[in-house]
Amino acid sequence: MEVTVRLFAVLRERAGSPELTLELPEGARVRDALDSISTLADDVPLVMAVNREYASEEQVLAAGDELALIPPVSGGGDVSAAPWARVSTEPISLDSLVERVRDSRAGAVVTFSGVTREVERLKYEAYAEMAQERMAAIAAEAVERHGLCAAAVEHRVGDVPLSEPSVIVAVSAPHRGEAFAGAREIIDAVKAAAPIWKKEIDGSQERWVQGTQPASFGNE
Protein backbone atom coordinates (compact mmCIF):
# COMPACT_ATOMS: atom_id res chain seq x y z
CA MET A 1 0.00 0.00 0.00
CA GLU A 2 1.11 3.58 -0.63
CA VAL A 3 1.46 6.15 2.16
CA THR A 4 2.45 9.77 1.60
CA VAL A 5 4.97 11.25 4.05
CA ARG A 6 4.94 15.05 4.44
CA LEU A 7 8.25 16.67 5.41
CA PHE A 8 8.94 20.11 6.83
CA ALA A 9 11.82 22.43 7.72
CA VAL A 10 15.12 20.56 8.19
CA LEU A 11 13.62 17.24 7.04
CA ARG A 12 12.37 18.79 3.82
CA GLU A 13 15.80 20.27 3.15
CA ARG A 14 17.54 16.95 3.79
CA ALA A 15 15.21 15.04 1.50
CA GLY A 16 15.20 17.73 -1.17
CA SER A 17 11.43 17.34 -1.41
CA PRO A 18 8.35 18.26 0.66
CA GLU A 19 6.99 14.72 0.51
CA LEU A 20 7.87 11.09 -0.09
CA THR A 21 5.78 8.11 -1.16
CA LEU A 22 6.39 4.88 0.74
CA GLU A 23 5.34 1.36 -0.22
CA LEU A 24 4.43 -0.44 3.00
CA PRO A 25 2.81 -3.81 3.71
CA GLU A 26 -0.82 -3.99 4.82
CA GLY A 27 -1.09 -3.51 8.58
CA ALA A 28 2.07 -1.40 8.76
CA ARG A 29 2.30 1.03 11.66
CA VAL A 30 3.75 4.50 11.93
CA ARG A 31 6.96 3.05 13.39
CA ASP A 32 7.40 0.92 10.24
CA ALA A 33 7.28 4.05 8.11
CA LEU A 34 9.82 5.72 10.39
CA ASP A 35 12.12 2.71 10.20
CA SER A 36 12.05 2.84 6.41
CA ILE A 37 13.40 6.42 6.39
CA SER A 38 15.50 6.25 9.55
CA THR A 39 18.58 7.78 7.93
CA LEU A 40 16.59 10.92 7.17
CA ALA A 41 15.20 11.58 10.64
CA ASP A 42 17.11 9.48 13.19
CA ASP A 43 18.67 12.52 14.95
CA VAL A 44 15.53 14.70 14.99
CA PRO A 45 12.94 14.44 17.78
CA LEU A 46 9.59 14.07 16.08
CA VAL A 47 5.88 14.16 16.65
CA MET A 48 3.82 12.34 14.04
CA ALA A 49 0.43 13.15 12.58
CA VAL A 50 -1.76 10.91 10.46
CA ASN A 51 -4.34 12.72 8.34
CA ARG A 52 -3.73 15.88 10.40
CA GLU A 53 -4.27 14.26 13.80
CA TYR A 54 -1.39 13.61 16.17
CA ALA A 55 -0.55 9.91 16.30
CA SER A 56 1.70 7.45 18.12
CA GLU A 57 4.22 5.09 16.55
CA GLU A 58 1.75 2.25 17.15
CA GLN A 59 -1.03 3.65 14.99
CA VAL A 60 -1.90 1.39 12.06
CA LEU A 61 -1.70 3.02 8.65
CA ALA A 62 -4.06 2.53 5.73
CA ALA A 63 -3.54 2.96 2.01
CA GLY A 64 -3.70 6.61 1.03
CA ASP A 65 -2.93 7.93 4.53
CA GLU A 66 -0.88 11.11 4.90
CA LEU A 67 1.83 10.80 7.55
CA ALA A 68 3.40 14.10 8.59
CA LEU A 69 6.74 14.14 10.40
CA ILE A 70 6.77 17.20 12.62
CA PRO A 71 10.13 18.37 14.00
CA PRO A 72 10.32 20.76 16.99
CA VAL A 73 8.19 23.84 16.26
CA SER A 74 9.68 27.37 16.63
CA GLY A 75 5.36 27.79 16.76
CA GLY A 76 -12.67 42.56 7.21
CA GLY A 77 -15.89 41.40 6.29
CA ASP A 78 -18.87 40.58 8.46
CA VAL A 79 -18.18 40.05 12.13
CA SER A 80 -18.46 36.48 13.36
CA ALA A 81 -18.28 35.33 16.99
CA ALA A 82 -16.96 31.94 15.89
CA PRO A 83 -13.24 31.40 16.54
CA TRP A 84 -11.28 32.21 13.39
CA ALA A 85 -7.80 31.18 12.29
CA ARG A 86 -5.74 31.44 9.13
CA VAL A 87 -2.26 30.70 7.82
CA SER A 88 -1.43 33.36 5.24
CA THR A 89 1.29 33.87 2.64
CA GLU A 90 0.50 37.60 2.54
CA PRO A 91 1.28 40.39 5.03
CA ILE A 92 -1.19 40.28 7.91
CA SER A 93 -3.20 43.15 9.37
CA LEU A 94 -3.99 43.76 13.02
CA ASP A 95 -6.84 46.13 12.15
CA SER A 96 -8.47 43.46 10.00
CA LEU A 97 -8.24 40.92 12.81
CA VAL A 98 -9.72 43.35 15.34
CA GLU A 99 -12.73 43.79 13.08
CA ARG A 100 -13.32 40.04 13.28
CA VAL A 101 -13.70 40.10 17.08
CA ARG A 102 -15.81 43.22 17.52
CA ASP A 103 -18.92 42.37 19.54
CA SER A 104 -21.61 44.47 21.21
CA ARG A 105 -21.19 42.43 24.41
CA ALA A 106 -17.47 43.19 24.65
CA GLY A 107 -16.03 45.78 27.00
CA ALA A 108 -12.44 44.83 26.15
CA VAL A 109 -10.46 43.98 23.04
CA VAL A 110 -6.91 42.69 23.54
CA THR A 111 -4.41 42.11 20.74
CA PHE A 112 -0.93 40.63 20.42
CA SER A 113 1.54 41.00 17.55
CA GLY A 114 4.73 38.96 17.26
CA VAL A 115 7.19 40.83 15.03
CA THR A 116 10.60 40.10 13.51
CA ARG A 117 13.45 41.53 15.56
CA GLU A 118 17.25 41.71 15.41
CA VAL A 119 17.63 39.92 12.06
CA GLU A 120 17.05 40.98 8.46
CA ARG A 121 14.10 38.63 8.08
CA LEU A 122 12.49 35.46 9.28
CA LYS A 123 11.29 32.70 6.99
CA TYR A 124 8.36 30.64 8.27
CA GLU A 125 7.29 27.25 7.02
CA ALA A 126 4.11 25.44 8.11
CA TYR A 127 2.13 22.30 7.67
CA ALA A 128 -0.55 24.80 6.72
CA GLU A 129 -3.66 22.62 6.71
CA MET A 130 -2.94 21.15 10.12
CA ALA A 131 -1.62 24.41 11.58
CA GLN A 132 -4.83 26.21 10.67
CA GLU A 133 -6.95 23.46 12.23
CA ARG A 134 -4.84 23.53 15.41
CA MET A 135 -5.03 27.30 15.66
CA ALA A 136 -8.82 27.26 15.28
CA ALA A 137 -9.09 24.58 17.98
CA ILE A 138 -6.85 26.62 20.29
CA ALA A 139 -8.99 29.72 19.77
CA ALA A 140 -12.18 27.75 20.41
CA GLU A 141 -10.77 26.34 23.65
CA ALA A 142 -9.83 29.83 24.83
CA VAL A 143 -13.31 31.16 24.02
CA GLU A 144 -14.89 28.43 26.11
CA ARG A 145 -12.41 28.57 29.00
CA HIS A 146 -12.42 32.36 29.45
CA GLY A 147 -15.91 33.28 28.31
CA LEU A 148 -14.65 35.33 25.38
CA CYS A 149 -17.03 36.97 22.93
CA ALA A 150 -14.75 36.15 19.98
CA ALA A 151 -11.17 35.15 19.15
CA ALA A 152 -9.04 35.23 16.02
CA VAL A 153 -5.47 34.28 15.20
CA GLU A 154 -3.45 34.57 12.00
CA HIS A 155 0.07 33.40 11.20
CA ARG A 156 2.13 34.45 8.21
CA VAL A 157 4.40 32.04 6.34
CA GLY A 158 7.23 32.81 3.95
CA ASP A 159 9.53 35.80 4.42
CA VAL A 160 8.70 38.27 7.20
CA PRO A 161 11.02 41.33 7.15
CA LEU A 162 12.35 43.15 10.19
CA SER A 163 9.62 44.78 12.33
CA GLU A 164 6.73 43.19 10.40
CA PRO A 165 4.26 40.87 12.23
CA SER A 166 4.47 37.11 11.77
CA VAL A 167 1.58 36.25 14.10
CA ILE A 168 -1.31 38.25 15.47
CA VAL A 169 -4.02 37.43 17.98
CA ALA A 170 -7.18 39.38 18.80
CA VAL A 171 -9.84 38.58 21.39
CA SER A 172 -12.87 40.36 22.80
CA ALA A 173 -14.54 39.77 26.16
CA PRO A 174 -16.93 41.51 28.55
CA HIS A 175 -14.01 42.37 30.88
CA ARG A 176 -10.28 43.01 30.45
CA GLY A 177 -9.14 40.18 32.74
CA GLU A 178 -10.70 37.50 30.58
CA ALA A 179 -9.49 39.21 27.40
CA PHE A 180 -5.86 39.37 28.56
CA ALA A 181 -5.93 35.77 29.78
CA GLY A 182 -7.51 34.50 26.57
CA ALA A 183 -5.05 36.28 24.29
CA ARG A 184 -2.09 35.01 26.32
CA GLU A 185 -3.40 31.44 26.25
CA ILE A 186 -3.87 31.51 22.49
CA ILE A 187 -0.40 32.78 21.58
CA ASP A 188 1.30 30.43 24.05
CA ALA A 189 -0.63 27.42 22.73
CA VAL A 190 -0.05 28.32 19.09
CA LYS A 191 3.70 28.45 19.71
CA ALA A 192 3.56 25.09 21.49
CA ALA A 193 1.15 23.14 19.31
CA ALA A 194 0.95 24.53 15.76
CA PRO A 195 3.33 22.84 13.28
CA ILE A 196 5.18 25.99 12.21
CA TRP A 197 8.94 26.44 11.83
CA LYS A 198 11.15 29.51 11.76
CA LYS A 199 14.45 30.21 10.04
CA GLU A 200 16.52 33.33 10.85
CA ILE A 201 18.14 34.99 7.85
CA ASP A 202 20.73 37.75 8.35
CA GLY A 203 22.80 38.54 5.30
CA SER A 204 24.42 35.29 4.15
CA GLN A 205 23.74 33.49 7.43
CA GLU A 206 20.71 31.23 7.83
CA ARG A 207 19.69 28.96 10.70
CA TRP A 208 16.58 27.10 11.80
CA VAL A 209 15.54 28.33 15.23
CA GLN A 210 15.73 25.54 17.77
CA GLY A 211 12.22 24.69 18.83
CA THR A 212 10.36 22.52 21.29
CA GLN A 213 8.68 19.15 20.94
CA PRO A 214 5.20 19.97 19.60
CA ALA A 215 2.44 19.63 22.16
CA SER A 216 -0.52 17.44 21.25
CA PHE A 217 -3.03 20.20 22.04
CA GLY A 218 -6.18 18.93 23.70
CA ASN A 219 -4.57 15.58 24.58
CA GLU A 220 -2.06 16.56 27.25
C-alpha atoms as a PDB file:
ATOM      1  CA  MET A   1       0.000   0.000   0.000  1.00  0.00           C
ATOM      2  CA  GLU A   2       1.108   3.581  -0.625  1.00  0.00           C
ATOM      3  CA  VAL A   3       1.465   6.152   2.159  1.00  0.00           C
ATOM      4  CA  THR A   4       2.448   9.770   1.602  1.00  0.00           C
ATOM      5  CA  VAL A   5       4.968  11.247   4.050  1.00  0.00           C
ATOM      6  CA  ARG A   6       4.944  15.047   4.443  1.00  0.00           C
ATOM      7  CA  LEU A   7       8.248  16.670   5.414  1.00  0.00           C
ATOM      8  CA  PHE A   8       8.940  20.111   6.829  1.00  0.00           C
ATOM      9  CA  ALA A   9      11.815  22.427   7.723  1.00  0.00           C
ATOM     10  CA  VAL A  10      15.119  20.562   8.192  1.00  0.00           C
ATOM     11  CA  LEU A  11      13.622  17.243   7.039  1.00  0.00           C
ATOM     12  CA  ARG A  12      12.369  18.787   3.816  1.00  0.00           C
ATOM     13  CA  GLU A  13      15.801  20.271   3.153  1.00  0.00           C
ATOM     14  CA  ARG A  14      17.540  16.948   3.786  1.00  0.00           C
ATOM     15  CA  ALA A  15      15.213  15.037   1.497  1.00  0.00           C
ATOM     16  CA  GLY A  16      15.202  17.726  -1.171  1.00  0.00           C
ATOM     17  CA  SER A  17      11.434  17.339  -1.412  1.00  0.00           C
ATOM     18  CA  PRO A  18       8.352  18.259   0.655  1.00  0.00           C
ATOM     19  CA  GLU A  19       6.994  14.715   0.507  1.00  0.00           C
ATOM     20  CA  LEU A  20       7.873  11.085  -0.093  1.00  0.00           C
ATOM     21  CA  THR A  21       5.781   8.115  -1.163  1.00  0.00           C
ATOM     22  CA  LEU A  22       6.385   4.875   0.742  1.00  0.00           C
ATOM     23  CA  GLU A  23       5.342   1.355  -0.225  1.00  0.00           C
ATOM     24  CA  LEU A  24       4.434  -0.439   3.003  1.00  0.00           C
ATOM     25  CA  PRO A  25       2.807  -3.806   3.710  1.00  0.00           C
ATOM     26  CA  GLU A  26      -0.816  -3.992   4.822  1.00  0.00           C
ATOM     27  CA  GLY A  27      -1.092  -3.511   8.575  1.00  0.00           C
ATOM     28  CA  ALA A  28       2.072  -1.397   8.765  1.00  0.00           C
ATOM     29  CA  ARG A  29       2.297   1.033  11.662  1.00  0.00           C
ATOM     30  CA  VAL A  30       3.746   4.498  11.934  1.00  0.00           C
ATOM     31  CA  ARG A  31       6.959   3.046  13.388  1.00  0.00           C
ATOM     32  CA  ASP A  32       7.396   0.924  10.245  1.00  0.00           C
ATOM     33  CA  ALA A  33       7.284   4.047   8.112  1.00  0.00           C
ATOM     34  CA  LEU A  34       9.817   5.715  10.391  1.00  0.00           C
ATOM     35  CA  ASP A  35      12.117   2.706  10.197  1.00  0.00           C
ATOM     36  CA  SER A  36      12.049   2.844   6.406  1.00  0.00           C
ATOM     37  CA  ILE A  37      13.396   6.415   6.393  1.00  0.00           C
ATOM     38  CA  SER A  38      15.505   6.250   9.549  1.00  0.00           C
ATOM     39  CA  THR A  39      18.585   7.779   7.925  1.00  0.00           C
ATOM     40  CA  LEU A  40      16.591  10.917   7.170  1.00  0.00           C
ATOM     41  CA  ALA A  41      15.197  11.577  10.643  1.00  0.00           C
ATOM     42  CA  ASP A  42      17.113   9.481  13.186  1.00  0.00           C
ATOM     43  CA  ASP A  43      18.667  12.517  14.947  1.00  0.00           C
ATOM     44  CA  VAL A  44      15.534  14.702  14.990  1.00  0.00           C
ATOM     45  CA  PRO A  45      12.942  14.444  17.777  1.00  0.00           C
ATOM     46  CA  LEU A  46       9.590  14.071  16.078  1.00  0.00           C
ATOM     47  CA  VAL A  47       5.885  14.164  16.649  1.00  0.00           C
ATOM     48  CA  MET A  48       3.822  12.340  14.044  1.00  0.00           C
ATOM     49  CA  ALA A  49       0.430  13.153  12.579  1.00  0.00           C
ATOM     50  CA  VAL A  50      -1.757  10.907  10.461  1.00  0.00           C
ATOM     51  CA  ASN A  51      -4.339  12.716   8.343  1.00  0.00           C
ATOM     52  CA  ARG A  52      -3.732  15.881  10.398  1.00  0.00           C
ATOM     53  CA  GLU A  53      -4.272  14.257  13.796  1.00  0.00           C
ATOM     54  CA  TYR A  54      -1.389  13.612  16.171  1.00  0.00           C
ATOM     55  CA  ALA A  55      -0.550   9.913  16.297  1.00  0.00           C
ATOM     56  CA  SER A  56       1.700   7.454  18.119  1.00  0.00           C
ATOM     57  CA  GLU A  57       4.220   5.093  16.550  1.00  0.00           C
ATOM     58  CA  GLU A  58       1.755   2.246  17.146  1.00  0.00           C
ATOM     59  CA  GLN A  59      -1.030   3.653  14.986  1.00  0.00           C
ATOM     60  CA  VAL A  60      -1.900   1.389  12.062  1.00  0.00           C
ATOM     61  CA  LEU A  61      -1.704   3.015   8.650  1.00  0.00           C
ATOM     62  CA  ALA A  62      -4.065   2.530   5.730  1.00  0.00           C
ATOM     63  CA  ALA A  63      -3.542   2.963   2.010  1.00  0.00           C
ATOM     64  CA  GLY A  64      -3.696   6.611   1.032  1.00  0.00           C
ATOM     65  CA  ASP A  65      -2.929   7.934   4.531  1.00  0.00           C
ATOM     66  CA  GLU A  66      -0.883  11.105   4.897  1.00  0.00           C
ATOM     67  CA  LEU A  67       1.826  10.797   7.550  1.00  0.00           C
ATOM     68  CA  ALA A  68       3.403  14.100   8.590  1.00  0.00           C
ATOM     69  CA  LEU A  69       6.742  14.136  10.399  1.00  0.00           C
ATOM     70  CA  ILE A  70       6.773  17.196  12.617  1.00  0.00           C
ATOM     71  CA  PRO A  71      10.130  18.373  14.005  1.00  0.00           C
ATOM     72  CA  PRO A  72      10.321  20.761  16.985  1.00  0.00           C
ATOM     73  CA  VAL A  73       8.195  23.839  16.256  1.00  0.00           C
ATOM     74  CA  SER A  74       9.685  27.369  16.627  1.00  0.00           C
ATOM     75  CA  GLY A  75       5.365  27.789  16.763  1.00  0.00           C
ATOM     76  CA  GLY A  76     -12.666  42.556   7.209  1.00  0.00           C
ATOM     77  CA  GLY A  77     -15.886  41.398   6.293  1.00  0.00           C
ATOM     78  CA  ASP A  78     -18.866  40.576   8.465  1.00  0.00           C
ATOM     79  CA  VAL A  79     -18.181  40.049  12.129  1.00  0.00           C
ATOM     80  CA  SER A  80     -18.458  36.482  13.358  1.00  0.00           C
ATOM     81  CA  ALA A  81     -18.278  35.325  16.985  1.00  0.00           C
ATOM     82  CA  ALA A  82     -16.958  31.943  15.887  1.00  0.00           C
ATOM     83  CA  PRO A  83     -13.236  31.399  16.539  1.00  0.00           C
ATOM     84  CA  TRP A  84     -11.285  32.214  13.388  1.00  0.00           C
ATOM     85  CA  ALA A  85      -7.795  31.175  12.288  1.00  0.00           C
ATOM     86  CA  ARG A  86      -5.736  31.436   9.127  1.00  0.00           C
ATOM     87  CA  VAL A  87      -2.262  30.701   7.822  1.00  0.00           C
ATOM     88  CA  SER A  88      -1.430  33.359   5.239  1.00  0.00           C
ATOM     89  CA  THR A  89       1.294  33.869   2.643  1.00  0.00           C
ATOM     90  CA  GLU A  90       0.504  37.601   2.537  1.00  0.00           C
ATOM     91  CA  PRO A  91       1.281  40.391   5.033  1.00  0.00           C
ATOM     92  CA  ILE A  92      -1.193  40.281   7.908  1.00  0.00           C
ATOM     93  CA  SER A  93      -3.203  43.155   9.366  1.00  0.00           C
ATOM     94  CA  LEU A  94      -3.985  43.760  13.021  1.00  0.00           C
ATOM     95  CA  ASP A  95      -6.837  46.127  12.155  1.00  0.00           C
ATOM     96  CA  SER A  96      -8.468  43.456  10.000  1.00  0.00           C
ATOM     97  CA  LEU A  97      -8.239  40.916  12.812  1.00  0.00           C
ATOM     98  CA  VAL A  98      -9.716  43.355  15.339  1.00  0.00           C
ATOM     99  CA  GLU A  99     -12.729  43.790  13.079  1.00  0.00           C
ATOM    100  CA  ARG A 100     -13.321  40.039  13.281  1.00  0.00           C
ATOM    101  CA  VAL A 101     -13.703  40.101  17.080  1.00  0.00           C
ATOM    102  CA  ARG A 102     -15.812  43.224  17.523  1.00  0.00           C
ATOM    103  CA  ASP A 103     -18.918  42.370  19.541  1.00  0.00           C
ATOM    104  CA  SER A 104     -21.613  44.474  21.211  1.00  0.00           C
ATOM    105  CA  ARG A 105     -21.187  42.426  24.409  1.00  0.00           C
ATOM    106  CA  ALA A 106     -17.474  43.189  24.650  1.00  0.00           C
ATOM    107  CA  GLY A 107     -16.029  45.777  27.004  1.00  0.00           C
ATOM    108  CA  ALA A 108     -12.439  44.834  26.146  1.00  0.00           C
ATOM    109  CA  VAL A 109     -10.458  43.978  23.039  1.00  0.00           C
ATOM    110  CA  VAL A 110      -6.914  42.693  23.543  1.00  0.00           C
ATOM    111  CA  THR A 111      -4.410  42.107  20.745  1.00  0.00           C
ATOM    112  CA  PHE A 112      -0.929  40.628  20.418  1.00  0.00           C
ATOM    113  CA  SER A 113       1.537  41.001  17.549  1.00  0.00           C
ATOM    114  CA  GLY A 114       4.725  38.965  17.256  1.00  0.00           C
ATOM    115  CA  VAL A 115       7.193  40.829  15.030  1.00  0.00           C
ATOM    116  CA  THR A 116      10.603  40.100  13.511  1.00  0.00           C
ATOM    117  CA  ARG A 117      13.455  41.529  15.563  1.00  0.00           C
ATOM    118  CA  GLU A 118      17.245  41.715  15.406  1.00  0.00           C
ATOM    119  CA  VAL A 119      17.634  39.919  12.061  1.00  0.00           C
ATOM    120  CA  GLU A 120      17.048  40.983   8.460  1.00  0.00           C
ATOM    121  CA  ARG A 121      14.100  38.635   8.078  1.00  0.00           C
ATOM    122  CA  LEU A 122      12.486  35.459   9.281  1.00  0.00           C
ATOM    123  CA  LYS A 123      11.286  32.700   6.993  1.00  0.00           C
ATOM    124  CA  TYR A 124       8.364  30.640   8.269  1.00  0.00           C
ATOM    125  CA  GLU A 125       7.285  27.250   7.025  1.00  0.00           C
ATOM    126  CA  ALA A 126       4.114  25.444   8.110  1.00  0.00           C
ATOM    127  CA  TYR A 127       2.127  22.300   7.668  1.00  0.00           C
ATOM    128  CA  ALA A 128      -0.547  24.801   6.722  1.00  0.00           C
ATOM    129  CA  GLU A 129      -3.657  22.625   6.705  1.00  0.00           C
ATOM    130  CA  MET A 130      -2.942  21.145  10.123  1.00  0.00           C
ATOM    131  CA  ALA A 131      -1.621  24.408  11.581  1.00  0.00           C
ATOM    132  CA  GLN A 132      -4.825  26.211  10.671  1.00  0.00           C
ATOM    133  CA  GLU A 133      -6.954  23.464  12.234  1.00  0.00           C
ATOM    134  CA  ARG A 134      -4.843  23.525  15.411  1.00  0.00           C
ATOM    135  CA  MET A 135      -5.034  27.301  15.659  1.00  0.00           C
ATOM    136  CA  ALA A 136      -8.817  27.255  15.278  1.00  0.00           C
ATOM    137  CA  ALA A 137      -9.095  24.579  17.976  1.00  0.00           C
ATOM    138  CA  ILE A 138      -6.853  26.620  20.295  1.00  0.00           C
ATOM    139  CA  ALA A 139      -8.989  29.722  19.769  1.00  0.00           C
ATOM    140  CA  ALA A 140     -12.184  27.751  20.412  1.00  0.00           C
ATOM    141  CA  GLU A 141     -10.766  26.336  23.651  1.00  0.00           C
ATOM    142  CA  ALA A 142      -9.827  29.834  24.831  1.00  0.00           C
ATOM    143  CA  VAL A 143     -13.306  31.164  24.023  1.00  0.00           C
ATOM    144  CA  GLU A 144     -14.888  28.434  26.111  1.00  0.00           C
ATOM    145  CA  ARG A 145     -12.411  28.567  29.001  1.00  0.00           C
ATOM    146  CA  HIS A 146     -12.416  32.356  29.450  1.00  0.00           C
ATOM    147  CA  GLY A 147     -15.911  33.275  28.309  1.00  0.00           C
ATOM    148  CA  LEU A 148     -14.654  35.329  25.380  1.00  0.00           C
ATOM    149  CA  CYS A 149     -17.026  36.966  22.926  1.00  0.00           C
ATOM    150  CA  ALA A 150     -14.748  36.149  19.982  1.00  0.00           C
ATOM    151  CA  ALA A 151     -11.173  35.150  19.154  1.00  0.00           C
ATOM    152  CA  ALA A 152      -9.045  35.235  16.015  1.00  0.00           C
ATOM    153  CA  VAL A 153      -5.466  34.282  15.199  1.00  0.00           C
ATOM    154  CA  GLU A 154      -3.453  34.575  11.999  1.00  0.00           C
ATOM    155  CA  HIS A 155       0.073  33.400  11.205  1.00  0.00           C
ATOM    156  CA  ARG A 156       2.129  34.447   8.207  1.00  0.00           C
ATOM    157  CA  VAL A 157       4.403  32.041   6.341  1.00  0.00           C
ATOM    158  CA  GLY A 158       7.228  32.809   3.954  1.00  0.00           C
ATOM    159  CA  ASP A 159       9.530  35.796   4.421  1.00  0.00           C
ATOM    160  CA  VAL A 160       8.702  38.270   7.202  1.00  0.00           C
ATOM    161  CA  PRO A 161      11.018  41.327   7.147  1.00  0.00           C
ATOM    162  CA  LEU A 162      12.350  43.149  10.193  1.00  0.00           C
ATOM    163  CA  SER A 163       9.616  44.777  12.327  1.00  0.00           C
ATOM    164  CA  GLU A 164       6.729  43.192  10.403  1.00  0.00           C
ATOM    165  CA  PRO A 165       4.263  40.869  12.228  1.00  0.00           C
ATOM    166  CA  SER A 166       4.474  37.113  11.771  1.00  0.00           C
ATOM    167  CA  VAL A 167       1.585  36.246  14.100  1.00  0.00           C
ATOM    168  CA  ILE A 168      -1.313  38.254  15.472  1.00  0.00           C
ATOM    169  CA  VAL A 169      -4.021  37.429  17.985  1.00  0.00           C
ATOM    170  CA  ALA A 170      -7.179  39.380  18.801  1.00  0.00           C
ATOM    171  CA  VAL A 171      -9.841  38.583  21.386  1.00  0.00           C
ATOM    172  CA  SER A 172     -12.870  40.362  22.799  1.00  0.00           C
ATOM    173  CA  ALA A 173     -14.537  39.773  26.157  1.00  0.00           C
ATOM    174  CA  PRO A 174     -16.934  41.508  28.549  1.00  0.00           C
ATOM    175  CA  HIS A 175     -14.007  42.372  30.878  1.00  0.00           C
ATOM    176  CA  ARG A 176     -10.278  43.007  30.454  1.00  0.00           C
ATOM    177  CA  GLY A 177      -9.141  40.185  32.736  1.00  0.00           C
ATOM    178  CA  GLU A 178     -10.697  37.498  30.584  1.00  0.00           C
ATOM    179  CA  ALA A 179      -9.494  39.212  27.399  1.00  0.00           C
ATOM    180  CA  PHE A 180      -5.856  39.373  28.555  1.00  0.00           C
ATOM    181  CA  ALA A 181      -5.934  35.768  29.783  1.00  0.00           C
ATOM    182  CA  GLY A 182      -7.506  34.501  26.568  1.00  0.00           C
ATOM    183  CA  ALA A 183      -5.047  36.279  24.287  1.00  0.00           C
ATOM    184  CA  ARG A 184      -2.090  35.005  26.322  1.00  0.00           C
ATOM    185  CA  GLU A 185      -3.396  31.441  26.253  1.00  0.00           C
ATOM    186  CA  ILE A 186      -3.874  31.512  22.485  1.00  0.00           C
ATOM    187  CA  ILE A 187      -0.402  32.777  21.582  1.00  0.00           C
ATOM    188  CA  ASP A 188       1.304  30.427  24.052  1.00  0.00           C
ATOM    189  CA  ALA A 189      -0.630  27.416  22.732  1.00  0.00           C
ATOM    190  CA  VAL A 190      -0.055  28.321  19.087  1.00  0.00           C
ATOM    191  CA  LYS A 191       3.703  28.452  19.709  1.00  0.00           C
ATOM    192  CA  ALA A 192       3.561  25.091  21.491  1.00  0.00           C
ATOM    193  CA  ALA A 193       1.149  23.136  19.309  1.00  0.00           C
ATOM    194  CA  ALA A 194       0.945  24.525  15.763  1.00  0.00           C
ATOM    195  CA  PRO A 195       3.332  22.840  13.276  1.00  0.00           C
ATOM    196  CA  ILE A 196       5.177  25.995  12.212  1.00  0.00           C
ATOM    197  CA  TRP A 197       8.939  26.436  11.832  1.00  0.00           C
ATOM    198  CA  LYS A 198      11.149  29.513  11.758  1.00  0.00           C
ATOM    199  CA  LYS A 199      14.449  30.215  10.040  1.00  0.00           C
ATOM    200  CA  GLU A 200      16.519  33.329  10.847  1.00  0.00           C
ATOM    201  CA  ILE A 201      18.137  34.993   7.847  1.00  0.00           C
ATOM    202  CA  ASP A 202      20.725  37.746   8.352  1.00  0.00           C
ATOM    203  CA  GLY A 203      22.797  38.538   5.304  1.00  0.00           C
ATOM    204  CA  SER A 204      24.422  35.294   4.154  1.00  0.00           C
ATOM    205  CA  GLN A 205      23.744  33.490   7.433  1.00  0.00           C
ATOM    206  CA  GLU A 206      20.711  31.230   7.830  1.00  0.00           C
ATOM    207  CA  ARG A 207      19.693  28.964  10.696  1.00  0.00           C
ATOM    208  CA  TRP A 208      16.582  27.105  11.800  1.00  0.00           C
ATOM    209  CA  VAL A 209      15.540  28.333  15.233  1.00  0.00           C
ATOM    210  CA  GLN A 210      15.730  25.536  17.770  1.00  0.00           C
ATOM    211  CA  GLY A 211      12.216  24.685  18.835  1.00  0.00           C
ATOM    212  CA  THR A 212      10.361  22.518  21.295  1.00  0.00           C
ATOM    213  CA  GLN A 213       8.679  19.149  20.939  1.00  0.00           C
ATOM    214  CA  PRO A 214       5.204  19.972  19.596  1.00  0.00           C
ATOM    215  CA  ALA A 215       2.444  19.635  22.159  1.00  0.00           C
ATOM    216  CA  SER A 216      -0.523  17.444  21.254  1.00  0.00           C
ATOM    217  CA  PHE A 217      -3.032  20.203  22.036  1.00  0.00           C
ATOM    218  CA  GLY A 218      -6.176  18.929  23.703  1.00  0.00           C
ATOM    219  CA  ASN A 219      -4.572  15.576  24.578  1.00  0.00           C
ATOM    220  CA  GLU A 220      -2.055  16.558  27.250  1.00  0.00           C
END
